[in-house]
Amino acid sequence: MSETPEAREPEKETPQAQPPQIEPVSKTRPLIELAKVLALPLVTLVLGYWFNASLNERQQMDTNTRLYIEMQGRREEADSNLRKDMFNSILQTFMPRDPAARISSEDLIRQQTLSLELLAANFHESLDIAPLFKDVERRIAIEQRSTNAELRQRLESVALQVIERQLTTMADVGSVERGDAMTAQAKSADSSAYLMFGARIVPNSAINPGQGVSRLCLTMQADDGSTYYRQFTLEIAGLDERQREVMVRLVVTKPITNEQCHQPALDMVASGEVDTNFSVGLFDFPMIDNTRLSNNQRAAVSLIALTPDVISLKVAYFPSSRASLKDKPYYEEMTRQLVGGRARRSDK
């Protein structure tokens, strides 16, 4: 059979389908997928815990604020009730007696002194009993009796016990320093009576003890645990023998560092906060008769001995929490405490 002119084209081979290639599985891919699955619950858990902690802290702060205000209100109420009940009973001893009641003036003074002893022993932190002491002292001096010295000594002994008890309370978190001076020098117009202090005196080679105004470095532990330092000077400006009172000048600096507190040449004018003159007697109690300082602090001067030979004073530096219940904090001090407490908690 003869071939035709048109030659047959050779048949093209059909390409065979290649099997799909399988990519190798990475070993880290399951870990990434697991992390994606766990990430959202973990983030939700952390954010929820943080939100709840912040909410609980804010609620705790609000609760503390309400509790503080409630305690202040209860303290005011309790103090008012105490004053009312005590004065209703104790003042009857000091009010004018029925003329028909036969009682001598000496027996009346002894009865009033006993009432003062009971009052001072139990309520010296909440009642200002100094006027009652001074009134009994005035009654003792009205008449000339052979027992006047004994009655006055008993009265002053009761007052001194109250003063020492209050100073001991202040010394727990503050400083109390005693100074002694010669009575003869205080009475003399030609010489000055300088107080000689103890261990808290700032050493100064230029001034001999008892021959110049000595400086004191007193410290105080605040309610928040911080320590404050201040320099004090206490001078005797005069003596009233009839009233048995000593005129003093008290100078106190602002809070300073420990190093500054022990500097004998510290500028008391530039660093000063309080410079005051006042009189102090045997019936002035430091929890009530004190000087307000910054940062919710107090300073007090107490006369603990007045003899023909020696005048003894004590200066105290303490927080207002050790002051009498009668000495309420100012509202700005309460606000400063609340704001300061919140700031310290925020820093933590």
Foldseek 3Di string as FASTA:
>chain_A
DDDDPDDDDDDDDDDDDDDDDDDDDDPCVVVVVVCVVPVVVVVVVVVVVVVVVVVVVVVVLVVVVVVVVVVVVVLVVVLVVVVVVLCVPLCVLVDDDDPVDDDDLVRSLVVNLVSVLVCLVPPVQRDQCLVSLLVSLVSLPPDDDPCSVVSNVSSLVSLLVSQVVLQVLFVVFWDKKKWKWWPVQQADPVHFTETFIDDQWQDDPVDDGRGDWIKGWIWGQDPVGDIWIKIKTKGFDHADVVSQKTKMWIWIFATDDPVLSNDPPRDSVVRTDDIDIDIEHSSDHFLEPWDDDPPQKIKGKHFNDDDNTMTMIMIIIGGNVSHGSVPDDDPVNVVVVSVVVVVVVVVD
